[in-house]
Amino acid sequence: MDEILLNIEGMTCGHCVMTVTRALQGVTGVKKVKVDLEKGIAKVKFNSKEATIESMINAVVEFGYKATAV
């Protein structure tokens, strides 16, 4: 199991956290997501054989947020 931190820009509230969490959970291969609103990050555990960093970033961007790998 791999783990990555993503910087998430544009989150302002709990609803944003839920949206980003759901977006990341929707990526095949993502196993666990923890989003921290105050720090503006998402910690993602995933199977690198199924999920790519690019696919996770794209999922977040689709919902109007900016994501970059730390």
Protein backbone atom coordinates (compact mmCIF):
# COMPACT_ATOMS: atom_id res chain seq x y z
CA MET A 1 0.00 0.00 0.00
CA ASP A 2 1.39 3.39 -1.00
CA GLU A 3 0.65 6.73 0.60
CA ILE A 4 0.76 10.27 -0.76
CA LEU A 5 0.02 13.76 0.51
CA LEU A 6 -1.82 16.10 -1.81
CA ASN A 7 -2.02 19.86 -1.33
CA ILE A 8 -5.62 20.88 -1.94
CA GLU A 9 -6.42 24.50 -2.76
CA GLY A 10 -9.89 26.01 -2.64
CA MET A 11 -11.39 24.20 0.36
CA THR A 12 -13.25 26.54 2.73
CA CYS A 13 -15.64 24.37 4.74
CA GLY A 14 -16.72 20.92 5.82
CA HIS A 15 -18.70 20.44 2.63
CA CYS A 16 -15.49 20.97 0.64
CA VAL A 17 -13.78 18.29 2.75
CA MET A 18 -16.60 15.84 2.03
CA THR A 19 -16.49 16.63 -1.69
CA VAL A 20 -12.72 16.13 -1.95
CA THR A 21 -12.94 12.95 0.13
CA ARG A 22 -15.64 11.50 -2.12
CA ALA A 23 -13.75 12.51 -5.26
CA LEU A 24 -10.64 10.68 -4.10
CA GLN A 25 -12.60 7.66 -2.85
CA GLY A 26 -14.09 7.37 -6.32
CA VAL A 27 -10.68 6.64 -7.86
CA THR A 28 -10.13 2.92 -8.41
CA GLY A 29 -7.36 1.71 -6.14
CA VAL A 30 -7.78 4.35 -3.45
CA LYS A 31 -8.19 2.60 -0.11
CA LYS A 32 -8.27 5.37 2.53
CA VAL A 33 -8.60 9.16 2.45
CA LYS A 34 -8.14 11.69 5.24
CA VAL A 35 -8.64 15.36 4.37
CA ASP A 36 -7.45 18.14 6.70
CA LEU A 37 -9.21 21.46 6.03
CA GLU A 38 -6.89 23.57 8.20
CA LYS A 39 -3.70 22.25 6.61
CA GLY A 40 -5.22 22.03 3.12
CA ILE A 41 -3.99 18.51 2.56
CA ALA A 42 -5.31 15.07 1.77
CA LYS A 43 -3.52 11.93 2.92
CA VAL A 44 -4.33 9.10 0.55
CA LYS A 45 -3.50 5.41 0.88
CA PHE A 46 -3.73 3.60 -2.43
CA ASN A 47 -2.68 0.62 -4.50
CA SER A 48 -0.17 1.93 -7.04
CA LYS A 49 -1.05 -0.91 -9.41
CA GLU A 50 -4.57 0.50 -9.74
CA ALA A 51 -4.39 4.24 -8.99
CA THR A 52 -2.02 6.90 -10.25
CA ILE A 53 -1.21 10.25 -8.71
CA GLU A 54 -2.47 11.86 -11.89
CA SER A 55 -5.85 10.10 -11.60
CA MET A 56 -6.24 11.34 -8.01
CA ILE A 57 -5.33 14.91 -8.94
CA ASN A 58 -7.72 14.82 -11.91
CA ALA A 59 -10.56 13.57 -9.68
CA VAL A 60 -10.10 16.55 -7.33
CA VAL A 61 -9.79 19.04 -10.21
CA GLU A 62 -13.08 17.78 -11.69
CA PHE A 63 -14.84 19.12 -8.58
CA GLY A 64 -13.27 22.58 -8.87
CA TYR A 65 -10.29 22.32 -6.53
CA LYS A 66 -6.59 22.45 -7.27
CA ALA A 67 -4.44 19.51 -6.20
CA THR A 68 -0.70 18.99 -6.30
CA ALA A 69 1.47 16.19 -4.96
CA VAL A 70 3.66 17.07 -1.99
